[in-house]
C-alpha atoms as a PDB file:
ATOM      1  CA  MET A   1      78.954  74.463  97.701  1.00  0.00           C
ATOM      2  CA  PRO A   2      79.926  75.443 101.277  1.00  0.00           C
ATOM      3  CA  ASP A   3      80.707  79.014 102.202  1.00  0.00           C
ATOM      4  CA  GLU A   4      84.316  80.135 102.332  1.00  0.00           C
ATOM      5  CA  PRO A   5      85.903  80.418 105.771  1.00  0.00           C
ATOM      6  CA  GLU A   6      84.962  83.687 107.394  1.00  0.00           C
ATOM      7  CA  THR A   7      87.442  86.538 107.753  1.00  0.00           C
ATOM      8  CA  PRO A   8      87.312  89.443 110.246  1.00  0.00           C
ATOM      9  CA  GLU A   9      85.859  91.633 107.469  1.00  0.00           C
ATOM     10  CA  ASP A  10      83.355  88.953 106.424  1.00  0.00           C
ATOM     11  CA  ASP A  11      82.235  87.391 109.675  1.00  0.00           C
ATOM     12  CA  GLY A  12      78.564  86.909 108.818  1.00  0.00           C
ATOM     13  CA  SER A  13      77.501  88.832 111.897  1.00  0.00           C
ATOM     14  CA  SER A  14      74.590  90.432 110.031  1.00  0.00           C
ATOM     15  CA  THR A  15      72.943  87.036 109.572  1.00  0.00           C
ATOM     16  CA  PRO A  16      71.013  85.996 112.706  1.00  0.00           C
ATOM     17  CA  SER A  17      71.977  82.721 114.334  1.00  0.00           C
ATOM     18  CA  GLY A  18      70.080  79.728 112.990  1.00  0.00           C
ATOM     19  CA  MET A  19      69.606  81.196 109.508  1.00  0.00           C
ATOM     20  CA  LEU A  20      71.371  80.224 106.297  1.00  0.00           C
ATOM     21  CA  GLN A  21      74.102  82.754 105.671  1.00  0.00           C
ATOM     22  CA  THR A  22      74.379  82.094 101.933  1.00  0.00           C
ATOM     23  CA  VAL A  23      70.652  82.649 101.393  1.00  0.00           C
ATOM     24  CA  ASP A  24      70.764  85.799 103.484  1.00  0.00           C
ATOM     25  CA  ARG A  25      73.673  87.141 101.456  1.00  0.00           C
ATOM     26  CA  ALA A  26      71.866  86.532  98.167  1.00  0.00           C
ATOM     27  CA  LEU A  27      68.772  88.301  99.481  1.00  0.00           C
ATOM     28  CA  GLN A  28      70.877  91.256 100.614  1.00  0.00           C
ATOM     29  CA  ILE A  29      72.028  91.721  97.022  1.00  0.00           C
ATOM     30  CA  LEU A  30      68.471  91.529  95.653  1.00  0.00           C
ATOM     31  CA  LEU A  31      67.093  93.936  98.262  1.00  0.00           C
ATOM     32  CA  ALA A  32      69.840  96.453  97.494  1.00  0.00           C
ATOM     33  CA  THR A  33      69.046  96.406  93.764  1.00  0.00           C
ATOM     34  CA  ASP A  34      67.038  99.568  93.122  1.00  0.00           C
ATOM     35  CA  ARG A  35      67.199 102.676  90.952  1.00  0.00           C
ATOM     36  CA  GLU A  36      70.384 103.802  92.698  1.00  0.00           C
ATOM     37  CA  HIS A  37      71.980 100.380  92.178  1.00  0.00           C
ATOM     38  CA  ASP A  38      70.308  98.964  89.088  1.00  0.00           C
ATOM     39  CA  GLY A  39      73.308  96.785  88.341  1.00  0.00           C
ATOM     40  CA  TRP A  40      76.257  95.202  90.135  1.00  0.00           C
ATOM     41  CA  SER A  41      79.736  94.019  89.244  1.00  0.00           C
ATOM     42  CA  VAL A  42      81.552  91.363  91.271  1.00  0.00           C
ATOM     43  CA  THR A  43      83.925  93.939  92.766  1.00  0.00           C
ATOM     44  CA  GLU A  44      81.038  96.273  93.680  1.00  0.00           C
ATOM     45  CA  VAL A  45      79.207  93.493  95.529  1.00  0.00           C
ATOM     46  CA  SER A  46      82.421  92.566  97.314  1.00  0.00           C
ATOM     47  CA  ALA A  47      83.023  96.168  98.407  1.00  0.00           C
ATOM     48  CA  GLU A  48      79.398  96.924  99.297  1.00  0.00           C
ATOM     49  CA  PHE A  49      78.740  93.853 101.450  1.00  0.00           C
ATOM     50  CA  GLY A  50      82.215  92.851 102.603  1.00  0.00           C
ATOM     51  CA  PHE A  51      82.156  89.515 100.778  1.00  0.00           C
ATOM     52  CA  SER A  52      85.284  88.083  99.201  1.00  0.00           C
ATOM     53  CA  THR A  53      85.285  88.354  95.412  1.00  0.00           C
ATOM     54  CA  SER A  54      84.894  84.591  94.985  1.00  0.00           C
ATOM     55  CA  VAL A  55      81.828  84.564  97.282  1.00  0.00           C
ATOM     56  CA  ALA A  56      80.417  87.598  95.445  1.00  0.00           C
ATOM     57  CA  HIS A  57      80.932  85.872  92.099  1.00  0.00           C
ATOM     58  CA  ARG A  58      79.218  82.654  93.232  1.00  0.00           C
ATOM     59  CA  LEU A  59      76.270  84.560  94.668  1.00  0.00           C
ATOM     60  CA  LEU A  60      75.760  86.555  91.466  1.00  0.00           C
ATOM     61  CA  ALA A  61      76.162  83.436  89.322  1.00  0.00           C
ATOM     62  CA  THR A  62      73.587  81.538  91.407  1.00  0.00           C
ATOM     63  CA  LEU A  63      71.042  84.375  91.236  1.00  0.00           C
ATOM     64  CA  THR A  64      71.606  84.542  87.490  1.00  0.00           C
ATOM     65  CA  HIS A  65      71.135  80.780  87.135  1.00  0.00           C
ATOM     66  CA  ARG A  66      67.643  81.140  88.620  1.00  0.00           C
ATOM     67  CA  ASP A  67      66.879  84.283  86.564  1.00  0.00           C
ATOM     68  CA  PHE A  68      66.735  86.628  89.561  1.00  0.00           C
ATOM     69  CA  LEU A  69      69.575  88.534  87.877  1.00  0.00           C
ATOM     70  CA  ILE A  70      70.661  88.876  84.246  1.00  0.00           C
ATOM     71  CA  ALA A  71      74.362  88.982  83.336  1.00  0.00           C
ATOM     72  CA  ASP A  72      75.534  91.430  80.693  1.00  0.00           C
ATOM     73  CA  PRO A  73      78.678  89.857  79.204  1.00  0.00           C
ATOM     74  CA  SER A  74      79.759  93.090  77.531  1.00  0.00           C
ATOM     75  CA  THR A  75      79.853  95.072  80.789  1.00  0.00           C
ATOM     76  CA  ARG A  76      80.215  92.174  83.256  1.00  0.00           C
ATOM     77  CA  ARG A  77      77.394  93.635  85.284  1.00  0.00           C
ATOM     78  CA  TYR A  78      74.341  91.923  86.757  1.00  0.00           C
ATOM     79  CA  ARG A  79      70.889  93.503  86.634  1.00  0.00           C
ATOM     80  CA  ILE A  80      67.504  92.518  88.033  1.00  0.00           C
ATOM     81  CA  GLY A  81      65.960  89.578  86.186  1.00  0.00           C
ATOM     82  CA  PRO A  82      62.486  88.289  85.303  1.00  0.00           C
ATOM     83  CA  ALA A  83      62.210  85.886  88.242  1.00  0.00           C
ATOM     84  CA  ALA A  84      62.480  88.764  90.719  1.00  0.00           C
ATOM     85  CA  MET A  85      59.829  90.731  88.862  1.00  0.00           C
ATOM     86  CA  THR A  86      57.557  87.684  88.690  1.00  0.00           C
ATOM     87  CA  VAL A  87      57.800  87.159  92.440  1.00  0.00           C
ATOM     88  CA  GLY A  88      57.067  90.851  92.981  1.00  0.00           C
ATOM     89  CA  ARG A  89      53.968  90.741  90.780  1.00  0.00           C
ATOM     90  CA  ILE A  90      52.716  87.602  92.508  1.00  0.00           C
ATOM     91  CA  TRP A  91      53.104  89.227  95.914  1.00  0.00           C
ATOM     92  CA  ALA A  92      51.543  92.515  94.807  1.00  0.00           C
ATOM     93  CA  GLY A  93      48.473  90.697  93.499  1.00  0.00           C
ATOM     94  CA  SER A  94      48.213  88.198  96.316  1.00  0.00           C
ATOM     95  CA  GLN A  95      45.613  87.930  99.028  1.00  0.00           C
ATOM     96  CA  SER A  96      48.368  88.329 101.623  1.00  0.00           C
ATOM     97  CA  LEU A  97      49.054  91.929 100.593  1.00  0.00           C
ATOM     98  CA  ARG A  98      45.364  92.816 100.875  1.00  0.00           C
ATOM     99  CA  LEU A  99      45.194  91.225 104.309  1.00  0.00           C
ATOM    100  CA  LEU A 100      48.212  93.229 105.451  1.00  0.00           C
ATOM    101  CA  VAL A 101      46.711  96.621 104.591  1.00  0.00           C
ATOM    102  CA  GLN A 102      43.024  95.922 105.262  1.00  0.00           C
ATOM    103  CA  PRO A 103      43.139  96.651 109.042  1.00  0.00           C
ATOM    104  CA  VAL A 104      44.701 100.064 108.381  1.00  0.00           C
ATOM    105  CA  LEU A 105      42.046 100.874 105.776  1.00  0.00           C
ATOM    106  CA  ALA A 106      39.237  99.769 108.067  1.00  0.00           C
ATOM    107  CA  GLN A 107      40.457 102.039 110.862  1.00  0.00           C
ATOM    108  CA  LEU A 108      40.995 104.934 108.443  1.00  0.00           C
ATOM    109  CA  ALA A 109      37.462 104.594 107.033  1.00  0.00           C
ATOM    110  CA  GLU A 110      35.946 104.318 110.509  1.00  0.00           C
ATOM    111  CA  GLU A 111      37.715 107.441 111.794  1.00  0.00           C
ATOM    112  CA  THR A 112      37.035 109.637 108.758  1.00  0.00           C
ATOM    113  CA  GLY A 113      33.699 108.241 107.580  1.00  0.00           C
ATOM    114  CA  LEU A 114      35.070 108.141 104.022  1.00  0.00           C
ATOM    115  CA  ALA A 115      35.934 105.330 101.639  1.00  0.00           C
ATOM    116  CA  ALA A 116      39.584 104.264 102.006  1.00  0.00           C
ATOM    117  CA  ILE A 117      41.429 102.701  99.052  1.00  0.00           C
ATOM    118  CA  PHE A 118      44.865 101.129  98.643  1.00  0.00           C
ATOM    119  CA  ALA A 119      45.935 100.813  94.996  1.00  0.00           C
ATOM    120  CA  ILE A 120      48.997  99.609  93.093  1.00  0.00           C
ATOM    121  CA  PRO A 121      50.077 100.264  89.481  1.00  0.00           C
ATOM    122  CA  ASP A 122      48.680  98.051  86.740  1.00  0.00           C
ATOM    123  CA  ALA A 123      49.897  99.101  83.291  1.00  0.00           C
ATOM    124  CA  PHE A 124      48.473 102.615  82.667  1.00  0.00           C
ATOM    125  CA  HIS A 125      46.159 102.410  85.675  1.00  0.00           C
ATOM    126  CA  MET A 126      46.085 102.045  89.434  1.00  0.00           C
ATOM    127  CA  ARG A 127      44.239  98.933  90.592  1.00  0.00           C
ATOM    128  CA  ALA A 128      42.437  98.918  93.937  1.00  0.00           C
ATOM    129  CA  ILE A 129      43.536  95.811  95.823  1.00  0.00           C
ATOM    130  CA  ALA A 130      41.919  96.710  99.153  1.00  0.00           C
ATOM    131  CA  ALA A 131      39.181  99.078 100.266  1.00  0.00           C
ATOM    132  CA  ALA A 132      36.988  99.920 103.238  1.00  0.00           C
ATOM    133  CA  THR A 133      33.688 101.795 103.403  1.00  0.00           C
ATOM    134  CA  GLY A 134      33.077 104.600 105.895  1.00  0.00           C
ATOM    135  CA  THR A 135      29.849 105.860 107.409  1.00  0.00           C
ATOM    136  CA  GLU A 136      29.191 108.112 104.393  1.00  0.00           C
ATOM    137  CA  GLY A 137      28.634 104.970 102.339  1.00  0.00           C
ATOM    138  CA  PRO A 138      30.276 103.276  99.344  1.00  0.00           C
ATOM    139  CA  LEU A 139      31.625 105.097  96.290  1.00  0.00           C
ATOM    140  CA  ARG A 140      30.240 102.442  93.944  1.00  0.00           C
ATOM    141  CA  THR A 141      27.220 100.199  93.807  1.00  0.00           C
ATOM    142  CA  TYR A 142      29.725  97.322  93.397  1.00  0.00           C
ATOM    143  CA  PRO A 143      32.918  96.424  95.335  1.00  0.00           C
ATOM    144  CA  LEU A 144      35.889  98.745  94.779  1.00  0.00           C
ATOM    145  CA  VAL A 145      38.480  95.960  94.939  1.00  0.00           C
ATOM    146  CA  GLY A 146      39.659  95.344  91.396  1.00  0.00           C
ATOM    147  CA  GLU A 147      38.604  98.797  90.154  1.00  0.00           C
ATOM    148  CA  LEU A 148      41.052 100.387  87.695  1.00  0.00           C
ATOM    149  CA  PHE A 149      41.775 104.128  87.937  1.00  0.00           C
ATOM    150  CA  PRO A 150      43.374 105.746  84.844  1.00  0.00           C
ATOM    151  CA  ALA A 151      46.863 107.139  85.407  1.00  0.00           C
ATOM    152  CA  HIS A 152      45.899 110.676  84.355  1.00  0.00           C
ATOM    153  CA  ALA A 153      42.546 111.010  86.119  1.00  0.00           C
ATOM    154  CA  GLY A 154      41.971 111.352  89.851  1.00  0.00           C
ATOM    155  CA  ALA A 155      44.093 111.689  92.964  1.00  0.00           C
ATOM    156  CA  THR A 156      44.324 107.926  93.547  1.00  0.00           C
ATOM    157  CA  SER A 157      46.452 107.609  90.413  1.00  0.00           C
ATOM    158  CA  LYS A 158      48.177 110.969  90.374  1.00  0.00           C
ATOM    159  CA  ALA A 159      49.570 110.549  93.903  1.00  0.00           C
ATOM    160  CA  TYR A 160      51.581 107.575  92.632  1.00  0.00           C
ATOM    161  CA  TYR A 161      52.584 108.676  89.130  1.00  0.00           C
ATOM    162  CA  ALA A 162      53.733 112.101  90.337  1.00  0.00           C
ATOM    163  CA  HIS A 163      56.516 110.427  92.329  1.00  0.00           C
ATOM    164  CA  LEU A 164      57.951 108.241  89.605  1.00  0.00           C
ATOM    165  CA  PRO A 165      61.411 109.327  88.381  1.00  0.00           C
ATOM    166  CA  ASP A 166      61.034 111.966  85.670  1.00  0.00           C
ATOM    167  CA  LEU A 167      62.263 109.789  82.812  1.00  0.00           C
ATOM    168  CA  GLU A 168      60.073 106.830  83.772  1.00  0.00           C
ATOM    169  CA  ARG A 169      57.009 109.031  84.202  1.00  0.00           C
ATOM    170  CA  ARG A 170      57.516 110.790  80.862  1.00  0.00           C
ATOM    171  CA  ARG A 171      57.993 107.484  79.078  1.00  0.00           C
ATOM    172  CA  THR A 172      54.777 106.234  80.663  1.00  0.00           C
ATOM    173  CA  PHE A 173      52.745 109.151  79.330  1.00  0.00           C
ATOM    174  CA  ALA A 174      54.604 109.764  76.053  1.00  0.00           C
ATOM    175  CA  ASP A 175      52.387 109.547  72.965  1.00  0.00           C
ATOM    176  CA  ARG A 176      49.653 107.850  74.971  1.00  0.00           C
ATOM    177  CA  PRO A 177      46.073 108.944  74.294  1.00  0.00           C
ATOM    178  CA  MET A 178      44.274 110.129  77.409  1.00  0.00           C
ATOM    179  CA  ALA A 179      40.516 109.774  77.546  1.00  0.00           C
ATOM    180  CA  ARG A 180      38.326 112.575  78.872  1.00  0.00           C
ATOM    181  CA  PHE A 181      35.947 111.050  81.424  1.00  0.00           C
ATOM    182  CA  THR A 182      34.402 114.299  82.689  1.00  0.00           C
ATOM    183  CA  PRO A 183      34.816 118.010  81.897  1.00  0.00           C
ATOM    184  CA  SER A 184      37.421 118.127  84.720  1.00  0.00           C
ATOM    185  CA  THR A 185      39.688 115.387  83.300  1.00  0.00           C
ATOM    186  CA  THR A 186      43.154 116.651  82.358  1.00  0.00           C
ATOM    187  CA  ILE A 187      44.280 115.437  78.927  1.00  0.00           C
ATOM    188  CA  ASP A 188      47.039 117.993  78.230  1.00  0.00           C
ATOM    189  CA  PRO A 189      50.465 116.430  79.079  1.00  0.00           C
ATOM    190  CA  ALA A 190      51.972 119.814  79.947  1.00  0.00           C
ATOM    191  CA  VAL A 191      49.174 120.623  82.380  1.00  0.00           C
ATOM    192  CA  LEU A 192      49.442 117.121  83.845  1.00  0.00           C
ATOM    193  CA  GLU A 193      53.170 117.663  84.495  1.00  0.00           C
ATOM    194  CA  GLN A 194      52.364 120.896  86.317  1.00  0.00           C
ATOM    195  CA  GLN A 195      49.891 119.020  88.486  1.00  0.00           C
ATOM    196  CA  PHE A 196      52.473 116.332  89.226  1.00  0.00           C
ATOM    197  CA  GLU A 197      54.981 118.977  90.282  1.00  0.00           C
ATOM    198  CA  ARG A 198      52.434 120.523  92.652  1.00  0.00           C
ATOM    199  CA  ILE A 199      51.637 117.104  94.120  1.00  0.00           C
ATOM    200  CA  ARG A 200      55.324 116.464  94.831  1.00  0.00           C
ATOM    201  CA  ARG A 201      55.689 119.894  96.402  1.00  0.00           C
ATOM    202  CA  GLN A 202      52.695 119.645  98.723  1.00  0.00           C
ATOM    203  CA  GLY A 203      53.020 115.920  99.435  1.00  0.00           C
ATOM    204  CA  TYR A 204      49.501 114.837  98.471  1.00  0.00           C
ATOM    205  CA  ALA A 205      47.042 114.888  95.590  1.00  0.00           C
ATOM    206  CA  THR A 206      43.447 116.081  95.440  1.00  0.00           C
ATOM    207  CA  SER A 207      40.817 115.765  92.754  1.00  0.00           C
ATOM    208  CA  SER A 208      37.146 116.538  92.279  1.00  0.00           C
ATOM    209  CA  GLY A 209      35.083 115.007  89.496  1.00  0.00           C
ATOM    210  CA  GLU A 210      38.065 114.009  87.314  1.00  0.00           C
ATOM    211  CA  TYR A 211      37.116 110.352  86.846  1.00  0.00           C
ATOM    212  CA  ASP A 212      33.684 110.130  88.456  1.00  0.00           C
ATOM    213  CA  VAL A 213      31.775 113.362  88.095  1.00  0.00           C
ATOM    214  CA  ASP A 214      30.495 113.363  91.674  1.00  0.00           C
ATOM    215  CA  VAL A 215      33.510 111.981  93.593  1.00  0.00           C
ATOM    216  CA  SER A 216      36.215 113.963  95.426  1.00  0.00           C
ATOM    217  CA  THR A 217      39.469 112.337  96.548  1.00  0.00           C
ATOM    218  CA  VAL A 218      42.627 113.088  98.512  1.00  0.00           C
ATOM    219  CA  ALA A 219      45.576 110.674  98.215  1.00  0.00           C
ATOM    220  CA  MET A 220      49.233 110.053  99.040  1.00  0.00           C
ATOM    221  CA  VAL A 221      51.957 107.877  97.548  1.00  0.00           C
ATOM    222  CA  VAL A 222      52.946 104.761  99.516  1.00  0.00           C
ATOM    223  CA  ARG A 223      56.600 103.772  99.342  1.00  0.00           C
ATOM    224  CA  LEU A 224      58.310 100.422  99.758  1.00  0.00           C
ATOM    225  CA  ARG A 225      62.026 100.648 100.531  1.00  0.00           C
ATOM    226  CA  ASN A 226      62.022 104.280  99.348  1.00  0.00           C
ATOM    227  CA  GLU A 227      60.456 103.396  95.978  1.00  0.00           C
ATOM    228  CA  PRO A 228      56.907 104.430  94.924  1.00  0.00           C
ATOM    229  CA  PHE A 229      54.801 101.305  95.398  1.00  0.00           C
ATOM    230  CA  GLY A 230      51.154 102.378  95.470  1.00  0.00           C
ATOM    231  CA  SER A 231      48.722 104.986  96.747  1.00  0.00           C
ATOM    232  CA  LEU A 232      46.425 105.454  99.708  1.00  0.00           C
ATOM    233  CA  SER A 233      43.310 107.560  99.193  1.00  0.00           C
ATOM    234  CA  LEU A 234      40.114 108.766 100.816  1.00  0.00           C
ATOM    235  CA  GLY A 235      37.049 109.480  98.699  1.00  0.00           C
ATOM    236  CA  ARG A 236      33.523 110.745  99.061  1.00  0.00           C
ATOM    237  CA  HIS A 237      30.537 111.761  96.983  1.00  0.00           C
ATOM    238  CA  GLY A 238      29.929 115.458  96.571  1.00  0.00           C
ATOM    239  CA  GLU A 239      31.948 118.624  96.307  1.00  0.00           C
ATOM    240  CA  PHE A 240      35.578 119.009  97.243  1.00  0.00           C
ATOM    241  CA  MET A 241      36.314 118.260 100.876  1.00  0.00           C
ATOM    242  CA  THR A 242      36.842 121.351 103.057  1.00  0.00           C
ATOM    243  CA  ASP A 243      38.611 119.387 105.774  1.00  0.00           C
ATOM    244  CA  VAL A 244      41.583 118.402 103.592  1.00  0.00           C
ATOM    245  CA  PRO A 245      44.328 119.386 106.113  1.00  0.00           C
ATOM    246  CA  ALA A 246      42.855 117.086 108.772  1.00  0.00           C
ATOM    247  CA  LEU A 247      42.420 114.281 106.245  1.00  0.00           C
ATOM    248  CA  VAL A 248      45.999 114.728 105.037  1.00  0.00           C
ATOM    249  CA  ARG A 249      47.281 114.332 108.598  1.00  0.00           C
ATOM    250  CA  ARG A 250      45.257 111.160 109.052  1.00  0.00           C
ATOM    251  CA  LEU A 251      46.388 109.830 105.673  1.00  0.00           C
ATOM    252  CA  GLU A 252      49.998 110.461 106.659  1.00  0.00           C
ATOM    253  CA  GLU A 253      49.567 108.376 109.811  1.00  0.00           C
ATOM    254  CA  ALA A 254      47.875 105.544 107.912  1.00  0.00           C
ATOM    255  CA  ARG A 255      50.485 105.635 105.160  1.00  0.00           C
ATOM    256  CA  ARG A 256      53.256 105.314 107.736  1.00  0.00           C
ATOM    257  CA  ASP A 257      51.464 102.326 109.254  1.00  0.00           C
ATOM    258  CA  ILE A 258      51.172 100.638 105.854  1.00  0.00           C
ATOM    259  CA  GLU A 259      54.797 101.305 104.919  1.00  0.00           C
ATOM    260  CA  LEU A 260      55.993  99.818 108.204  1.00  0.00           C
ATOM    261  CA  THR A 261      53.648  96.863 107.805  1.00  0.00           C
ATOM    262  CA  LEU A 262      54.962  96.128 104.303  1.00  0.00           C
ATOM    263  CA  VAL A 263      58.511  95.736 105.611  1.00  0.00           C
ATOM    264  CA  GLY A 264      57.466  93.747 108.654  1.00  0.00           C
ATOM    265  CA  ARG A 265      57.791  96.448 111.285  1.00  0.00           C
ATOM    266  CA  SER A 266      55.419  98.088 113.712  1.00  0.00           C
ATOM    267  CA  ARG A 267      55.175 101.632 114.990  1.00  0.00           C
END
């Protein structure tokens, strides 16, 4: 169905020349669906994007037809659907994501000498999807890519889970048994919440011997469109790192590079 004639308030100027305006409009709606806007009505889409109500309705209906949105007939609101989540999972687990972040990890490992890891959530774990080895050597005798880090043990995981919205984080950990991997593993939910609060306050997580008895780690959350997406960490064998402030500054730079890379921008 062709687009409606444009009006001064709906002139399509945000869509670059040579691109399909209808597709761009549908993607705008999907990209704006987050925790602040977890559902849309026709009138809200019309007001937010400047579309006429009939265009807004057709866009929402089309996205629903392909399961990118789900319509709630009782509230007449549209929420994110399974097709969008499927596409997101495919991308997160794809080779293309690893290739995007690998150059940043390689540079980070070369400059610090430590192992650099990029991980994303996988159920009650963080899964390493890319890693690079520094001059201090590998953390494992086998490749780190694919390694699962428990949500409650180690900075690689805690840097991410600390930044989830409170309700989502508490639901994640509610009534879930937490294994003790070393004497330093935290298994008390109240203590874990205190650690999460400290991580949010200082902006990074540190751990020493929580998952592997002889490994120390410093990590930061990585965001995608202002949402927690994964974590970036540096690890080494031995006691806790004394040069944490310098490593935090370098992690911050690398995290910024990754976040810009994930949305197709450069510094």
